[in-house]
Amino acid sequence: MTSQRMFRFGVNTVAPDSRTRWIEKCRRAEEFGYDVTGVADHLGLAAPFPARGEKLLRVAAEHAAIIGFTGAGATADGSLRVAGIAETEQRVAYLRVLLEEWGSALPAEVADRPEELPILQIGTSEEIAERLLENRQRFGFSYITVHEDAREKFAPVIAMLRGR
């Protein structure tokens, strides 16, 4: 039996408009306990099909083998923000309707509950930490990355799992 790796945490950032702002983002991530700060090479969106907006969900449902729920929503000015539970539930419900039209792209065991996939973390900090421990045991996942919009809210999870 192999030993488990300790958790490492990364934050995926969108490149800021100035050097000063970049340094500030990196220092803030370090204060929250992140081990790695990365810059997305795909405009800050999950590749290949981020599940944001009905048009893209429709394309993803028709063509994608994997559909990524980014956890982000857009503000009126087009910037990203953390999507709430109700918004995520709406996206999942809309996607389910589309998948029924074209046939499910989701694995059968989670077709009616995609929120149970190990890539989606919803709940209290304690619930998320427990789920990450379970997923590490089951799948070997030890390197966890979040989008910069969630970095502060995810920080308590890092504190709970640091050194484990």
Protein backbone atom coordinates (compact mmCIF):
# COMPACT_ATOMS: atom_id res chain seq x y z
CA MET A 1 0.00 0.00 0.00
CA THR A 2 1.35 3.43 -0.93
CA SER A 3 1.25 6.35 1.44
CA GLN A 4 -1.02 9.28 0.67
CA ARG A 5 0.43 12.56 -0.45
CA MET A 6 -0.21 15.62 1.67
CA PHE A 7 -2.63 18.13 0.22
CA ARG A 8 -1.35 20.98 -1.94
CA PHE A 9 -3.55 23.88 -2.97
CA GLY A 10 -3.44 26.12 -6.00
CA VAL A 11 -5.35 29.18 -7.10
CA ASN A 12 -5.99 29.77 -10.80
CA THR A 13 -5.82 33.49 -11.56
CA VAL A 14 -6.57 35.78 -14.44
CA ALA A 15 -3.56 37.93 -15.24
CA PRO A 16 -3.94 41.39 -13.71
CA ASP A 17 -3.34 44.62 -15.58
CA SER A 18 -0.25 45.70 -13.64
CA ARG A 19 2.85 44.29 -11.99
CA THR A 20 1.81 45.79 -8.65
CA ARG A 21 -1.60 44.10 -8.83
CA TRP A 22 0.02 40.77 -9.74
CA ILE A 23 2.35 40.92 -6.74
CA GLU A 24 -0.63 41.80 -4.54
CA LYS A 25 -2.62 38.79 -5.83
CA CYS A 26 0.30 36.42 -5.23
CA ARG A 27 0.93 37.71 -1.71
CA ARG A 28 -2.75 37.47 -0.85
CA ALA A 29 -2.89 33.86 -2.10
CA GLU A 30 0.13 33.04 0.05
CA GLU A 31 -1.58 34.61 3.09
CA PHE A 32 -4.59 32.34 2.49
CA GLY A 33 -2.30 29.28 2.47
CA TYR A 34 -2.10 28.47 -1.23
CA ASP A 35 1.01 26.64 -2.41
CA VAL A 36 0.76 27.61 -6.08
CA THR A 37 -0.56 30.58 -8.02
CA GLY A 38 -1.24 29.78 -11.65
CA VAL A 39 -2.32 31.82 -14.63
CA ALA A 40 -4.88 30.23 -16.92
CA ASP A 41 -3.81 29.82 -20.51
CA HIS A 42 -7.42 29.63 -21.62
CA LEU A 43 -8.84 33.01 -20.58
CA GLY A 44 -9.64 31.86 -17.04
CA LEU A 45 -12.35 29.45 -18.13
CA ALA A 46 -12.51 25.68 -17.75
CA ALA A 47 -11.60 23.91 -20.99
CA PRO A 48 -13.07 22.77 -23.25
CA PHE A 49 -16.71 23.56 -22.41
CA PRO A 50 -17.28 25.77 -19.37
CA ALA A 51 -20.91 25.42 -18.27
CA ARG A 52 -21.75 29.12 -18.28
CA GLY A 53 -24.74 30.47 -20.14
CA GLU A 54 -27.49 28.67 -22.03
CA LYS A 55 -25.85 28.90 -25.47
CA LEU A 56 -22.64 27.23 -24.31
CA LEU A 57 -24.54 24.66 -22.26
CA ARG A 58 -26.50 23.74 -25.38
CA VAL A 59 -23.28 23.31 -27.41
CA ALA A 60 -21.69 21.32 -24.58
CA ALA A 61 -24.70 19.02 -24.19
CA GLU A 62 -24.69 18.29 -27.91
CA HIS A 63 -20.94 17.82 -28.47
CA ALA A 64 -18.87 17.51 -25.29
CA ALA A 65 -17.77 14.30 -23.61
CA ILE A 66 -17.00 16.30 -20.46
CA ILE A 67 -18.89 19.36 -19.26
CA GLY A 68 -17.15 21.55 -16.69
CA PHE A 69 -19.19 23.52 -14.19
CA THR A 70 -16.87 26.46 -13.62
CA GLY A 71 -18.47 27.75 -10.43
CA ALA A 72 -18.38 31.22 -11.97
CA GLY A 73 -21.07 33.52 -13.20
CA ALA A 74 -20.82 36.75 -15.12
CA THR A 75 -21.69 40.19 -13.81
CA ALA A 76 -23.37 42.85 -15.95
CA ASP A 77 -19.94 44.21 -16.97
CA GLY A 78 -18.72 40.74 -17.99
CA SER A 79 -16.36 40.12 -15.08
CA LEU A 80 -16.52 36.81 -13.22
CA ARG A 81 -18.05 36.18 -9.80
CA VAL A 82 -18.75 33.06 -7.75
CA ALA A 83 -22.00 31.44 -8.84
CA GLY A 84 -24.47 30.75 -6.04
CA ILE A 85 -26.19 27.47 -5.25
CA ALA A 86 -29.48 28.49 -6.90
CA GLU A 87 -27.65 29.51 -10.07
CA THR A 88 -25.73 26.22 -10.13
CA GLU A 89 -28.96 24.28 -9.59
CA GLN A 90 -30.54 26.18 -12.53
CA ARG A 91 -27.59 25.28 -14.78
CA VAL A 92 -27.74 21.62 -13.74
CA ALA A 93 -31.51 21.49 -14.31
CA TYR A 94 -31.20 23.16 -17.73
CA LEU A 95 -28.37 20.80 -18.70
CA ARG A 96 -30.42 17.77 -17.62
CA VAL A 97 -33.23 18.84 -19.98
CA LEU A 98 -30.74 19.22 -22.84
CA LEU A 99 -29.12 15.87 -22.10
CA GLU A 100 -32.49 14.16 -22.19
CA GLU A 101 -32.94 15.60 -25.69
CA TRP A 102 -29.54 14.35 -26.93
CA GLY A 103 -28.80 11.48 -24.57
CA SER A 104 -26.80 11.72 -21.37
CA ALA A 105 -23.11 12.57 -21.54
CA LEU A 106 -22.86 12.00 -17.79
CA PRO A 107 -21.88 8.66 -16.31
CA ALA A 108 -24.96 6.63 -15.41
CA GLU A 109 -24.13 6.54 -11.69
CA VAL A 110 -24.40 10.35 -11.43
CA ALA A 111 -26.75 11.17 -14.30
CA ASP A 112 -29.45 12.30 -11.87
CA ARG A 113 -27.06 13.92 -9.35
CA PRO A 114 -23.97 15.45 -11.03
CA GLU A 115 -23.30 17.48 -7.89
CA GLU A 116 -21.83 14.27 -6.40
CA LEU A 117 -18.94 14.28 -8.88
CA PRO A 118 -15.64 14.73 -7.03
CA ILE A 119 -14.76 17.81 -9.08
CA LEU A 120 -17.62 19.86 -7.64
CA GLN A 121 -17.28 21.11 -4.05
CA ILE A 122 -20.44 22.46 -2.41
CA GLY A 123 -21.19 22.80 1.29
CA THR A 124 -19.68 24.16 4.46
CA SER A 125 -15.91 24.32 4.85
CA GLU A 126 -16.13 21.26 7.11
CA GLU A 127 -18.18 19.29 4.56
CA ILE A 128 -15.81 20.21 1.74
CA ALA A 129 -12.75 19.25 3.82
CA GLU A 130 -14.33 15.88 4.65
CA ARG A 131 -15.23 15.28 0.98
CA LEU A 132 -11.66 16.13 -0.09
CA LEU A 133 -10.29 13.65 2.44
CA GLU A 134 -12.67 10.99 1.09
CA ASN A 135 -11.74 11.79 -2.52
CA ARG A 136 -8.03 11.59 -1.72
CA GLN A 137 -8.57 8.17 -0.14
CA ARG A 138 -10.73 6.95 -3.01
CA PHE A 139 -9.11 8.60 -6.04
CA GLY A 140 -5.71 9.79 -4.83
CA PHE A 141 -6.57 13.47 -5.43
CA SER A 142 -4.22 15.60 -3.35
CA TYR A 143 -3.63 18.70 -5.50
CA ILE A 144 -6.67 20.96 -5.41
CA THR A 145 -7.05 24.14 -7.47
CA VAL A 146 -9.72 26.82 -7.18
CA HIS A 147 -10.46 29.90 -9.24
CA GLU A 148 -9.28 33.18 -7.74
CA ASP A 149 -12.87 34.32 -7.09
CA ALA A 150 -13.20 31.45 -4.60
CA ARG A 151 -9.74 31.74 -3.01
CA GLU A 152 -10.85 33.57 0.13
CA LYS A 153 -13.92 31.41 0.75
CA PHE A 154 -11.85 28.25 0.26
CA ALA A 155 -9.08 29.39 2.67
CA PRO A 156 -10.75 27.81 5.76
CA VAL A 157 -10.68 24.43 3.99
CA ILE A 158 -6.93 24.82 3.44
CA ALA A 159 -6.46 25.61 7.12
CA MET A 160 -8.36 22.44 8.08
CA LEU A 161 -6.32 20.22 5.74
CA ARG A 162 -2.87 21.79 6.04
CA GLY A 163 -0.32 19.14 6.95
CA ARG A 164 -2.67 16.25 6.21
